[in-house]
Amino acid sequence: MKKLIVLIALLTFSATMQAQSVAQIDSTLNALHDSIETASVRTSDDSYYDLMIAANQDLSKYIYTLCKAYYKDGKMLFPAIKRNGVGVVTSDDSKLRFFSWDSWTGGTMRRYGSIIQYVDKHGMHLDCISCDSTFDNGTYYDTIITLHTASAQTIYLAGCISVISSADAGISFEAYIIKNDSLIKVDLFKKGKQLATYVGYERDYVSCKDKDIHFSKDLKKIYVPTEANRDTKESYDVYVFNGKYFVFKGNK
């Protein structure tokens, strides 16, 4: 009888979650994130850091519950949303999603929390990149590009930022595949004989705020800024996709 009551409670809670509109989900995510920021300004309170950690954990728990409630028959059901507090980005095949937010546990070097949701033939999986009490520098994910190789393998290019200081940041695209119940980084970028799982650069916001990594319309070329700390000229490393790798072709 006790098990039946618990099951009914879980089903009721899941149904309640699914009844929420996108606006309600968005409002809850932002309210939970706002509570982290509120805790961060209570510097006169010796327990403010513990309050921030607790608020981050509350946000993580809500995201986990949200992901489980809005998954059915191999599909992540609720649409991608992106507002002020929590960034949510979803692949166009709805197989991969990143949640990212500022944990407010860092200073000028930002410490981001991130949760990954992905789907394979065995079901839905959730991974915490940085969402516990030991936040590292972390990355904020804001883009996913879906790519198909000549061998019909699906590769996801995740665009992200790591804030190093009040002026400098690292911008990159990381390559992932979903395989064996895991999200795995994969070698996709080739420069000479060297293979890498990502391309990127360090960015100076002051002198180079308009330069960024971008793709050709057919997604076959990637342009990665060089001389990122200078505003004297535009310069890019160009990588061209050959069906298997993005191969470095020189500067433009």
Protein backbone atom coordinates (compact mmCIF):
# COMPACT_ATOMS: atom_id res chain seq x y z
CA MET A 1 0.00 0.00 0.00
CA LYS A 2 2.86 2.36 0.90
CA LYS A 3 4.54 1.73 -2.48
CA LEU A 4 1.24 2.46 -4.24
CA ILE A 5 0.87 5.78 -2.39
CA VAL A 6 4.44 6.78 -3.34
CA LEU A 7 3.83 5.84 -6.98
CA ILE A 8 0.61 7.88 -7.08
CA ALA A 9 2.44 10.85 -5.52
CA LEU A 10 5.22 10.65 -8.11
CA LEU A 11 2.76 10.40 -10.99
CA THR A 12 0.78 13.35 -9.62
CA PHE A 13 3.93 15.44 -9.25
CA SER A 14 5.05 14.56 -12.79
CA ALA A 15 1.63 15.48 -14.18
CA THR A 16 1.78 18.78 -12.29
CA MET A 17 5.19 19.53 -13.78
CA GLN A 18 3.98 18.70 -17.29
CA ALA A 19 1.01 21.02 -16.83
CA GLN A 20 3.35 23.97 -16.45
CA SER A 21 3.64 26.33 -19.39
CA VAL A 22 7.00 27.34 -20.83
CA ALA A 23 6.53 30.73 -19.17
CA GLN A 24 6.01 29.06 -15.78
CA ILE A 25 9.09 26.86 -16.22
CA ASP A 26 11.11 29.87 -17.27
CA SER A 27 9.85 31.88 -14.29
CA THR A 28 10.76 29.11 -11.85
CA LEU A 29 14.24 28.65 -13.30
CA ASN A 30 14.93 32.36 -13.06
CA ALA A 31 13.49 32.65 -9.55
CA LEU A 32 15.76 29.83 -8.37
CA HIS A 33 18.74 31.48 -10.03
CA ASP A 34 17.81 34.85 -8.51
CA SER A 35 17.97 33.23 -5.08
CA ILE A 36 21.63 32.35 -5.77
CA GLU A 37 22.42 35.96 -6.63
CA THR A 38 20.51 37.17 -3.55
CA ALA A 39 22.58 34.90 -1.33
CA SER A 40 25.80 36.13 -2.94
CA VAL A 41 25.30 39.74 -1.79
CA ARG A 42 24.82 38.80 1.88
CA THR A 43 28.52 39.33 2.58
CA SER A 44 27.80 40.44 6.16
CA ASP A 45 26.45 36.98 6.87
CA ASP A 46 29.19 34.41 7.50
CA SER A 47 26.93 31.70 6.12
CA TYR A 48 26.36 33.41 2.74
CA TYR A 49 28.58 30.93 0.85
CA ASP A 50 26.66 27.99 2.30
CA LEU A 51 23.44 29.73 1.27
CA MET A 52 24.76 30.08 -2.31
CA ILE A 53 25.70 26.41 -2.45
CA ALA A 54 22.27 25.41 -1.13
CA ALA A 55 20.55 27.67 -3.69
CA ASN A 56 22.64 26.13 -6.50
CA GLN A 57 21.68 22.66 -5.33
CA ASP A 58 17.99 23.65 -5.29
CA LEU A 59 18.31 24.81 -8.90
CA SER A 60 20.07 21.59 -9.90
CA LYS A 61 17.36 19.47 -8.27
CA TYR A 62 14.62 21.38 -10.10
CA ILE A 63 16.39 20.90 -13.45
CA TYR A 64 16.76 17.15 -12.79
CA THR A 65 13.07 16.89 -11.89
CA LEU A 66 12.11 18.96 -14.93
CA CYS A 67 14.10 16.74 -17.29
CA LYS A 68 12.58 13.55 -15.90
CA ALA A 69 9.03 14.93 -16.00
CA TYR A 70 9.33 16.12 -19.60
CA TYR A 71 10.76 12.95 -21.15
CA LYS A 72 8.66 10.33 -22.90
CA ASP A 73 9.26 7.67 -25.56
CA GLY A 74 12.77 8.82 -26.38
CA LYS A 75 11.92 12.51 -26.65
CA MET A 76 12.71 15.58 -24.58
CA LEU A 77 9.31 17.23 -24.66
CA PHE A 78 9.51 20.80 -23.43
CA PRO A 79 10.90 23.36 -25.89
CA ALA A 80 14.26 25.07 -25.48
CA ILE A 81 14.07 28.23 -23.42
CA LYS A 82 16.70 30.86 -22.76
CA ARG A 83 16.26 33.83 -20.48
CA ASN A 84 18.29 35.87 -18.01
CA GLY A 85 19.23 33.41 -15.30
CA VAL A 86 19.53 29.93 -16.80
CA GLY A 87 20.59 29.26 -20.37
CA VAL A 88 18.97 26.27 -22.08
CA VAL A 89 20.15 25.14 -25.50
CA THR A 90 18.89 22.07 -27.40
CA SER A 91 20.15 20.24 -30.49
CA ASP A 92 17.87 20.33 -33.53
CA ASP A 93 17.24 16.57 -33.26
CA SER A 94 16.25 16.94 -29.57
CA LYS A 95 18.86 14.41 -28.47
CA LEU A 96 21.12 16.77 -26.51
CA ARG A 97 20.47 19.69 -24.18
CA PHE A 98 22.67 21.86 -21.96
CA PHE A 99 21.53 23.86 -18.94
CA SER A 100 24.06 26.50 -17.82
CA TRP A 101 24.08 29.21 -15.17
CA ASP A 102 26.40 31.44 -13.16
CA SER A 103 26.86 29.82 -9.74
CA TRP A 104 28.02 33.14 -8.24
CA THR A 105 30.72 31.25 -6.34
CA GLY A 106 33.53 32.91 -8.27
CA GLY A 107 34.80 36.46 -8.62
CA THR A 108 35.96 37.95 -11.91
CA MET A 109 36.72 34.35 -12.92
CA ARG A 110 33.19 33.03 -13.34
CA ARG A 111 32.23 29.60 -12.07
CA TYR A 112 29.40 28.12 -14.10
CA GLY A 113 27.08 25.26 -13.30
CA SER A 114 26.10 22.94 -16.14
CA ILE A 115 23.81 19.94 -16.49
CA ILE A 116 23.66 17.83 -19.66
CA GLN A 117 20.58 15.93 -20.77
CA TYR A 118 20.94 13.47 -23.65
CA VAL A 119 19.00 10.62 -25.21
CA ASP A 120 20.08 7.34 -26.81
CA LYS A 121 18.41 4.03 -27.58
CA HIS A 122 18.53 3.06 -23.91
CA GLY A 123 16.71 6.15 -22.68
CA MET A 124 17.43 9.54 -21.16
CA HIS A 125 20.61 10.40 -19.25
CA LEU A 126 21.58 13.31 -17.02
CA ASP A 127 25.15 14.38 -16.24
CA CYS A 128 26.31 17.10 -13.88
CA ILE A 129 29.40 18.84 -15.28
CA SER A 130 29.67 21.31 -12.45
CA CYS A 131 26.67 21.60 -10.16
CA ASP A 132 27.75 20.44 -6.73
CA SER A 133 29.51 22.15 -3.82
CA THR A 134 32.90 22.23 -5.57
CA PHE A 135 32.18 24.41 -8.60
CA ASP A 136 35.22 24.63 -10.86
CA ASN A 137 35.64 27.32 -13.50
CA GLY A 138 33.12 25.55 -15.70
CA THR A 139 31.75 26.63 -19.03
CA TYR A 140 28.55 28.27 -20.20
CA TYR A 141 27.02 26.51 -23.23
CA ASP A 142 25.05 28.70 -25.61
CA THR A 143 25.01 26.86 -28.97
CA ILE A 144 24.62 23.33 -30.35
CA ILE A 145 25.25 22.57 -34.03
CA THR A 146 24.32 19.11 -35.32
CA LEU A 147 26.70 17.64 -37.89
CA HIS A 148 26.52 14.40 -39.88
CA THR A 149 29.70 12.72 -41.12
CA ALA A 150 30.13 10.77 -44.36
CA SER A 151 29.69 7.56 -42.34
CA ALA A 152 26.31 8.83 -41.04
CA GLN A 153 27.61 9.48 -37.53
CA THR A 154 25.96 12.36 -35.67
CA ILE A 155 28.37 14.80 -34.04
CA TYR A 156 27.32 17.70 -31.85
CA LEU A 157 29.36 20.90 -31.80
CA ALA A 158 28.77 22.64 -28.48
CA GLY A 159 29.65 26.33 -28.38
CA CYS A 160 30.75 27.55 -24.97
CA ILE A 161 32.50 30.30 -23.05
CA SER A 162 34.78 30.24 -20.01
CA VAL A 163 35.27 33.62 -18.33
CA ILE A 164 38.85 33.95 -17.14
CA SER A 165 38.72 37.49 -15.77
CA SER A 166 36.75 40.72 -16.09
CA ALA A 167 38.38 41.28 -19.50
CA ASP A 168 39.35 37.87 -20.88
CA ALA A 169 37.42 34.76 -21.84
CA GLY A 170 37.95 31.50 -23.70
CA ILE A 171 35.56 30.84 -26.59
CA SER A 172 35.40 27.36 -28.12
CA PHE A 173 33.40 24.66 -29.89
CA GLU A 174 33.65 21.14 -28.47
CA ALA A 175 32.81 18.00 -30.46
CA TYR A 176 30.65 15.28 -28.87
CA ILE A 177 29.00 12.02 -29.82
CA ILE A 178 26.42 10.00 -27.89
CA LYS A 179 27.67 6.44 -27.55
CA ASN A 180 27.36 3.55 -25.07
CA ASP A 181 25.09 5.51 -22.70
CA SER A 182 27.62 8.34 -22.53
CA LEU A 183 28.31 11.74 -24.03
CA ILE A 184 31.88 11.47 -25.32
CA LYS A 185 34.28 14.07 -26.68
CA VAL A 186 35.58 13.07 -30.10
CA ASP A 187 38.52 14.15 -32.29
CA LEU A 188 37.07 16.29 -35.07
CA PHE A 189 39.58 19.07 -35.78
CA LYS A 190 42.80 18.37 -37.66
CA LYS A 191 45.77 20.72 -37.97
CA GLY A 192 48.73 19.02 -39.63
CA LYS A 193 49.05 15.66 -37.91
CA GLN A 194 47.41 16.84 -34.71
CA LEU A 195 43.81 15.97 -33.84
CA ALA A 196 41.74 17.81 -31.27
CA THR A 197 38.27 17.63 -29.74
CA TYR A 198 37.80 21.40 -29.87
CA VAL A 199 38.79 24.66 -31.55
CA GLY A 200 38.86 27.99 -29.78
CA TYR A 201 40.68 31.13 -28.78
CA GLU A 202 41.07 33.59 -25.93
CA ARG A 203 39.11 36.76 -26.34
CA ASP A 204 39.82 40.29 -25.13
CA TYR A 205 36.43 41.91 -24.60
CA VAL A 206 37.86 45.42 -24.72
CA SER A 207 39.70 45.37 -28.04
CA CYS A 208 38.08 42.41 -29.77
CA LYS A 209 34.45 42.32 -28.69
CA ASP A 210 33.05 41.85 -32.21
CA LYS A 211 35.24 38.89 -33.26
CA ASP A 212 33.80 35.43 -32.81
CA ILE A 213 33.90 31.87 -34.15
CA HIS A 214 31.48 31.49 -37.05
CA PHE A 215 30.44 28.95 -39.67
CA SER A 216 29.67 29.10 -43.37
CA LYS A 217 25.99 28.78 -44.27
CA ASP A 218 26.41 25.12 -45.23
CA LEU A 219 28.32 24.43 -41.98
CA LYS A 220 31.27 23.09 -43.97
CA LYS A 221 33.72 25.79 -42.89
CA ILE A 222 34.66 27.15 -39.46
CA TYR A 223 36.39 30.48 -39.00
CA VAL A 224 38.29 30.79 -35.71
CA PRO A 225 39.68 34.25 -34.82
CA THR A 226 43.44 34.65 -34.50
CA GLU A 227 45.31 37.60 -33.00
CA ALA A 228 42.30 37.82 -30.68
CA ASN A 229 43.87 40.44 -28.45
CA ARG A 230 44.45 42.95 -31.24
CA ASP A 231 42.03 45.14 -33.17
CA THR A 232 44.45 46.06 -35.96
CA LYS A 233 43.01 43.57 -38.48
CA GLU A 234 40.66 40.63 -38.86
CA SER A 235 42.36 37.25 -39.09
CA TYR A 236 40.87 33.76 -38.95
CA ASP A 237 42.05 30.17 -38.97
CA VAL A 238 39.90 28.36 -41.53
CA TYR A 239 38.86 24.71 -41.10
CA VAL A 240 37.03 22.82 -43.88
CA PHE A 241 34.94 19.70 -43.28
CA ASN A 242 35.95 16.72 -45.47
CA GLY A 243 33.25 14.34 -44.27
CA LYS A 244 35.33 13.10 -41.34
CA TYR A 245 37.35 16.01 -39.93
CA PHE A 246 37.44 19.77 -39.99
CA VAL A 247 40.88 20.22 -41.59
CA PHE A 248 42.94 23.38 -41.13
CA LYS A 249 43.38 25.13 -44.50
CA GLY A 250 45.25 28.26 -43.49
CA ASN A 251 44.47 31.85 -42.49
CA LYS A 252 42.08 34.34 -43.99
